[in-house]
Amino acid sequence: AKAGDEGKLFGSVGTSDIAEAIGVAGVSIERHEVRLPEGAFRQLGEYQVGIHLHTDVNAEITLVVEAE
């Protein structure tokens, strides 16, 4: 993502961005399956993101937000 010198993003990384990045990696998911209880990410860093695939199927991925 585009970011300033202090690590703050110009914009944010939300569910659509995460679902798209996972799709590029070869796994197709919908944006409503991505769980962000605290909202979109606005800083560079490493985050744990919950993925709700089915009623009893939940997964957790590590998301790394890096500057372009």
C-alpha atoms as a PDB file:
ATOM      1  CA  ALA A   1       0.000   0.000   0.000  1.00  0.00           C
ATOM      2  CA  LYS A   2       1.093   3.574  -0.443  1.00  0.00           C
ATOM      3  CA  ALA A   3       2.385   4.973   2.821  1.00  0.00           C
ATOM      4  CA  GLY A   4       4.084   8.014   4.268  1.00  0.00           C
ATOM      5  CA  ASP A   5       7.475   8.125   5.980  1.00  0.00           C
ATOM      6  CA  GLU A   6       5.960   7.454   9.418  1.00  0.00           C
ATOM      7  CA  GLY A   7       4.273   4.200   8.316  1.00  0.00           C
ATOM      8  CA  LYS A   8       0.782   5.629   8.022  1.00  0.00           C
ATOM      9  CA  LEU A   9      -1.125   4.517   4.927  1.00  0.00           C
ATOM     10  CA  PHE A  10      -2.642   6.858   2.366  1.00  0.00           C
ATOM     11  CA  GLY A  11      -6.071   5.245   2.682  1.00  0.00           C
ATOM     12  CA  SER A  12      -6.576   1.846   4.280  1.00  0.00           C
ATOM     13  CA  VAL A  13      -6.450  -1.904   3.698  1.00  0.00           C
ATOM     14  CA  GLY A  14      -9.926  -3.394   4.069  1.00  0.00           C
ATOM     15  CA  THR A  15     -11.823  -6.614   3.436  1.00  0.00           C
ATOM     16  CA  SER A  16     -11.956  -6.167  -0.355  1.00  0.00           C
ATOM     17  CA  ASP A  17      -8.195  -5.603  -0.561  1.00  0.00           C
ATOM     18  CA  ILE A  18      -7.496  -8.658   1.600  1.00  0.00           C
ATOM     19  CA  ALA A  19      -9.872 -10.912  -0.371  1.00  0.00           C
ATOM     20  CA  GLU A  20      -8.260  -9.749  -3.627  1.00  0.00           C
ATOM     21  CA  ALA A  21      -4.734 -10.449  -2.318  1.00  0.00           C
ATOM     22  CA  ILE A  22      -5.765 -13.934  -1.167  1.00  0.00           C
ATOM     23  CA  GLY A  23      -7.271 -14.527  -4.620  1.00  0.00           C
ATOM     24  CA  VAL A  24      -3.977 -13.577  -6.275  1.00  0.00           C
ATOM     25  CA  ALA A  25      -2.312 -16.170  -4.027  1.00  0.00           C
ATOM     26  CA  GLY A  26      -4.603 -18.830  -5.506  1.00  0.00           C
ATOM     27  CA  VAL A  27      -7.466 -19.142  -2.988  1.00  0.00           C
ATOM     28  CA  SER A  28     -10.856 -17.699  -3.850  1.00  0.00           C
ATOM     29  CA  ILE A  29     -12.784 -16.090  -0.976  1.00  0.00           C
ATOM     30  CA  GLU A  30     -15.440 -13.402  -0.747  1.00  0.00           C
ATOM     31  CA  ARG A  31     -14.876 -10.139   1.105  1.00  0.00           C
ATOM     32  CA  HIS A  32     -17.671 -10.904   3.594  1.00  0.00           C
ATOM     33  CA  GLU A  33     -15.646 -13.940   4.765  1.00  0.00           C
ATOM     34  CA  VAL A  34     -12.827 -11.671   5.993  1.00  0.00           C
ATOM     35  CA  ARG A  35     -13.311 -10.609   9.619  1.00  0.00           C
ATOM     36  CA  LEU A  36     -11.942  -7.239  10.754  1.00  0.00           C
ATOM     37  CA  PRO A  37     -13.582  -6.526  14.135  1.00  0.00           C
ATOM     38  CA  GLU A  38     -11.438  -3.417  14.675  1.00  0.00           C
ATOM     39  CA  GLY A  39     -11.922  -2.070  11.154  1.00  0.00           C
ATOM     40  CA  ALA A  40      -9.570  -1.527   8.236  1.00  0.00           C
ATOM     41  CA  PHE A  41      -5.798  -1.288   8.716  1.00  0.00           C
ATOM     42  CA  ARG A  42      -4.275   2.190   8.445  1.00  0.00           C
ATOM     43  CA  GLN A  43      -0.658   1.451   9.433  1.00  0.00           C
ATOM     44  CA  LEU A  44       2.147  -0.658   8.002  1.00  0.00           C
ATOM     45  CA  GLY A  45       2.781  -3.844   9.935  1.00  0.00           C
ATOM     46  CA  GLU A  46       1.893  -7.460  10.508  1.00  0.00           C
ATOM     47  CA  TYR A  47      -1.647  -8.389  11.555  1.00  0.00           C
ATOM     48  CA  GLN A  48      -3.655 -11.520  12.361  1.00  0.00           C
ATOM     49  CA  VAL A  49      -6.845 -11.673  10.280  1.00  0.00           C
ATOM     50  CA  GLY A  50      -9.740 -14.059  10.835  1.00  0.00           C
ATOM     51  CA  ILE A  51     -11.358 -15.790   7.861  1.00  0.00           C
ATOM     52  CA  HIS A  52     -14.854 -17.266   8.332  1.00  0.00           C
ATOM     53  CA  LEU A  53     -15.303 -19.870   5.613  1.00  0.00           C
ATOM     54  CA  HIS A  54     -18.308 -21.801   6.917  1.00  0.00           C
ATOM     55  CA  THR A  55     -20.404 -22.130  10.074  1.00  0.00           C
ATOM     56  CA  ASP A  56     -17.818 -24.360  11.752  1.00  0.00           C
ATOM     57  CA  VAL A  57     -14.781 -23.461   9.653  1.00  0.00           C
ATOM     58  CA  ASN A  58     -12.661 -20.512  10.723  1.00  0.00           C
ATOM     59  CA  ALA A  59      -9.058 -19.811   9.804  1.00  0.00           C
ATOM     60  CA  GLU A  60      -6.505 -17.195  10.723  1.00  0.00           C
ATOM     61  CA  ILE A  61      -3.930 -15.727   8.368  1.00  0.00           C
ATOM     62  CA  THR A  62      -1.032 -13.359   8.885  1.00  0.00           C
ATOM     63  CA  LEU A  63      -1.356 -10.217   6.812  1.00  0.00           C
ATOM     64  CA  VAL A  64       1.741  -8.117   6.161  1.00  0.00           C
ATOM     65  CA  VAL A  65       1.051  -4.546   5.024  1.00  0.00           C
ATOM     66  CA  GLU A  66       4.161  -3.158   3.312  1.00  0.00           C
ATOM     67  CA  ALA A  67       4.896   0.144   1.605  1.00  0.00           C
ATOM     68  CA  GLU A  68       4.999   0.178  -2.200  1.00  0.00           C
END
